[in-house]
Protein backbone atom coordinates (compact mmCIF):
# COMPACT_ATOMS: atom_id res chain seq x y z
CA MET A 1 159.46 -11.22 34.06
CA PHE A 2 162.18 -14.25 35.43
CA GLY A 3 163.93 -13.23 32.16
CA THR A 4 164.31 -9.29 33.93
CA ILE A 5 165.69 -11.36 37.06
CA LYS A 6 168.04 -13.47 35.63
CA GLN A 7 169.51 -10.11 33.42
CA SER A 8 169.52 -8.78 36.84
CA LEU A 9 171.73 -11.44 38.24
CA LEU A 10 174.25 -11.65 35.49
CA ARG A 11 174.89 -7.82 35.85
CA ILE A 12 175.82 -8.49 38.95
CA MET A 13 177.47 -11.63 38.97
CA PRO A 14 178.53 -13.26 35.17
CA SER A 15 179.49 -16.55 36.79
CA ILE A 16 176.55 -17.35 38.58
CA THR A 17 175.13 -20.85 37.03
CA GLU A 18 172.05 -21.36 35.71
CA GLU A 19 171.28 -23.88 38.64
CA GLU A 20 172.34 -21.37 40.99
CA ILE A 21 170.26 -18.79 38.85
CA ILE A 22 166.90 -21.13 39.32
CA PHE A 23 167.54 -21.78 43.00
CA PHE A 24 168.19 -18.21 43.85
CA ILE A 25 164.81 -17.29 42.59
CA SER A 26 162.69 -20.13 44.04
CA LYS A 27 163.76 -17.93 47.01
CA LEU A 28 162.12 -14.65 45.57
CA GLU A 29 158.82 -14.05 46.42
CA GLN A 30 156.60 -11.29 44.26
CA ARG A 31 154.75 -8.23 45.39
CA THR A 32 152.87 -6.27 43.25
CA ILE A 33 153.15 -2.19 44.60
CA ALA A 34 150.73 0.29 43.80
CA LYS A 35 151.60 4.15 42.59
CA HIS A 36 152.80 6.16 45.10
CA ASP A 37 152.81 3.37 47.78
CA PHE A 38 156.12 2.54 49.61
CA PHE A 39 159.08 -0.79 49.28
CA VAL A 40 160.79 0.93 52.43
CA LYS A 41 159.57 3.94 54.46
CA GLU A 42 162.04 6.31 56.58
CA GLY A 43 161.89 4.78 60.29
CA GLN A 44 160.73 1.11 59.06
CA VAL A 45 163.76 -1.73 59.03
CA ALA A 46 163.86 -3.04 55.68
CA HIS A 47 163.88 -6.49 56.17
CA GLU A 48 163.96 -7.01 52.07
CA MET A 49 165.51 -6.45 48.79
CA GLY A 50 164.12 -6.49 45.61
CA VAL A 51 164.21 -6.53 41.87
CA VAL A 52 162.04 -4.67 39.73
CA THR A 53 160.20 -6.61 37.04
CA LYS A 54 158.10 -3.93 36.21
CA GLY A 55 157.17 -0.31 37.09
CA ALA A 56 159.58 2.71 38.48
CA PHE A 57 160.45 3.89 42.18
CA ARG A 58 162.71 6.65 43.71
CA MET A 59 164.90 6.06 46.87
CA TYR A 60 164.40 9.70 48.98
CA PHE A 61 164.67 11.27 51.88
CA THR A 62 163.11 14.33 53.43
CA TYR A 63 165.58 16.88 54.92
CA GLN A 64 164.18 20.29 56.37
CA GLU A 65 161.16 19.40 54.90
CA ARG A 66 162.04 19.22 51.46
CA GLU A 67 162.61 15.84 49.63
CA GLN A 68 166.20 14.74 48.19
CA THR A 69 165.46 12.30 45.43
CA GLY A 70 168.98 10.04 45.23
CA HIS A 71 168.19 8.23 42.73
CA PHE A 72 165.97 5.84 40.22
CA MET A 73 164.98 2.67 40.03
CA PHE A 74 163.55 0.96 36.71
CA GLU A 75 163.10 -3.05 35.47
CA GLY A 76 165.89 -5.30 36.05
CA GLN A 77 167.50 -2.97 38.97
CA TRP A 78 167.92 -3.66 42.50
CA LEU A 79 165.49 -1.52 45.38
CA GLY A 80 165.95 -0.89 49.32
CA ASP A 81 167.13 0.48 51.96
CA TYR A 82 170.41 -1.99 52.17
CA GLU A 83 172.00 -0.34 54.85
CA SER A 84 168.23 -0.99 57.01
CA PHE A 85 168.43 -4.62 55.69
CA LEU A 86 171.97 -5.32 56.50
CA THR A 87 171.93 -4.13 60.29
CA GLN A 88 168.19 -4.48 60.64
CA LYS A 89 167.63 -1.23 62.25
CA PRO A 90 165.26 1.64 61.01
CA ALA A 91 165.33 3.03 57.16
CA MET A 92 166.98 6.86 56.53
CA ASN A 93 165.60 6.35 53.47
CA ASN A 94 162.04 5.91 51.68
CA VAL A 95 161.62 3.37 48.05
CA GLU A 96 158.81 4.71 46.48
CA ALA A 97 156.40 3.44 43.73
CA LEU A 98 156.08 5.75 40.77
CA GLU A 99 154.12 3.53 38.88
CA ASP A 100 152.06 0.84 39.65
CA SER A 101 155.10 -2.13 39.98
CA GLU A 102 156.19 -5.41 40.46
CA VAL A 103 159.03 -6.39 42.52
CA PHE A 104 160.27 -9.71 43.59
CA PHE A 105 161.97 -9.77 46.74
CA LEU A 106 164.51 -10.88 48.85
CA SER A 107 163.65 -11.00 52.92
CA TYR A 108 166.75 -11.02 55.24
CA ASP A 109 166.12 -14.25 56.98
CA ASN A 110 166.46 -16.34 53.08
CA MET A 111 169.38 -13.91 52.39
CA GLN A 112 171.00 -15.82 55.45
CA GLN A 113 169.66 -18.75 54.99
CA LEU A 114 171.60 -18.65 51.27
CA TYR A 115 174.88 -17.25 53.02
CA LYS A 116 174.71 -20.60 54.97
CA MET A 117 174.08 -22.30 52.12
CA GLY A 118 178.46 -22.00 50.24
CA ALA A 119 180.71 -19.46 49.38
CA GLN A 120 178.81 -18.43 45.99
CA TYR A 121 175.90 -17.06 47.91
CA GLU A 122 178.37 -15.36 50.10
CA ARG A 123 180.11 -14.05 47.25
CA PHE A 124 176.65 -12.60 45.51
CA GLY A 125 175.84 -10.67 48.65
CA ARG A 126 178.77 -8.93 48.72
CA LEU A 127 178.68 -8.42 45.15
CA ILE A 128 175.16 -7.09 45.93
CA ALA A 129 176.38 -4.73 48.74
CA GLU A 130 179.52 -3.73 46.19
CA TYR A 131 176.46 -2.92 43.09
CA VAL A 132 174.16 -0.73 45.70
CA TYR A 133 177.37 0.96 47.47
CA LEU A 134 178.61 2.44 43.94
CA VAL A 135 174.82 3.43 42.76
CA ALA A 136 174.74 5.66 45.62
CA MET A 137 178.32 6.94 45.63
CA ASN A 138 177.74 7.84 42.40
CA SER A 139 174.40 9.24 42.70
CA TYR A 140 176.79 11.28 46.47
CA LYS A 141 179.39 12.57 43.82
CA SER A 142 177.64 12.83 41.39
CA LEU A 143 175.12 15.57 43.77
CA LEU A 144 178.26 17.07 44.96
CA LEU A 145 180.70 17.68 41.48
CA LYS A 146 178.29 18.46 39.40
CA THR A 147 176.46 21.24 38.08
CA ALA A 148 172.36 20.40 38.04
CA GLU A 149 172.58 20.49 34.33
CA GLU A 150 175.69 18.17 34.10
CA ARG A 151 173.85 15.46 35.68
CA TYR A 152 170.49 16.18 33.61
CA ILE A 153 172.86 15.44 30.80
CA GLU A 154 174.31 12.25 32.58
CA LEU A 155 170.46 11.17 33.40
CA LEU A 156 169.00 11.32 29.65
CA ALA A 157 172.17 9.92 28.42
CA THR A 158 172.05 6.45 31.21
CA GLN A 159 168.24 6.37 31.45
CA PRO A 160 166.88 8.43 28.38
CA HIS A 161 163.18 7.02 28.56
CA ILE A 162 163.25 8.84 31.86
CA LEU A 163 160.93 11.83 30.93
CA GLU A 164 158.37 9.53 29.08
CA ARG A 165 158.29 8.22 32.66
CA LEU A 166 158.35 10.18 35.59
CA PRO A 167 156.83 13.98 36.32
CA GLN A 168 159.46 16.45 36.31
CA HIS A 169 159.32 17.13 39.96
CA TYR A 170 161.11 14.17 40.81
CA ILE A 171 163.61 15.00 38.00
CA ALA A 172 164.13 18.22 39.75
CA SER A 173 164.42 16.96 42.94
CA TYR A 174 167.00 14.30 41.98
CA LEU A 175 168.83 16.99 40.48
CA GLY A 176 168.80 18.93 43.85
CA ILE A 177 166.66 22.20 42.36
CA GLN A 178 162.91 23.36 41.75
CA ALA A 179 160.83 22.64 38.55
CA PRO A 180 161.39 25.94 37.00
CA SER A 181 165.43 25.28 37.70
CA LEU A 182 164.47 22.24 35.78
CA SER A 183 162.46 23.64 32.96
CA ARG A 184 165.24 26.79 32.01
CA ILE A 185 167.94 23.56 31.68
CA ARG A 186 165.91 21.90 29.28
CA ASN A 187 165.07 25.30 27.62
CA LYS A 188 168.58 25.78 27.27
CA LEU A 189 169.80 22.70 25.92
CA ALA A 190 166.75 22.68 23.26
CA GLN A 191 167.70 26.09 22.27
CA LYS A 192 171.80 24.21 21.50
CA ARG A 193 170.42 21.84 19.40
């Protein structure tokens, strides 16, 4: 599990030293989250950000009684509502476990303590913010600019294990369509093969 965290840190900040990794990990706390429980719930303040060491999550919001999934997080990926975490204001998103999961998280207070320890941790905080921003913007642009079929093909290319791990209705929500439309896309692509 610490290998997963280390790889995640190195992906975001390749220049981080072994000592900094060990110190950073010492500031993390572990939490087990049962399937369908929430890491962040809409309307509550996100007091922590986490790294998934086991399991799967989805970030979604509800609009006009319909859930729209923004993205999925699996092992080695960061999760949380970063806007709420930074502003300490209520979250507009939900982050729900889709499997029994394990997360190592950094509290807002511990992040503030790390910032006071030096420029390398301030830089790390900035790099996490950039990473989370890019993930959100890629998802947003993809939803606006690509067809559901293009998004599905992209999802399979970047996260091929997703079909084995997640129900179709969550994937359809991510694509911005209903489950029957996803079935039509899958059948169409299967016929092309």
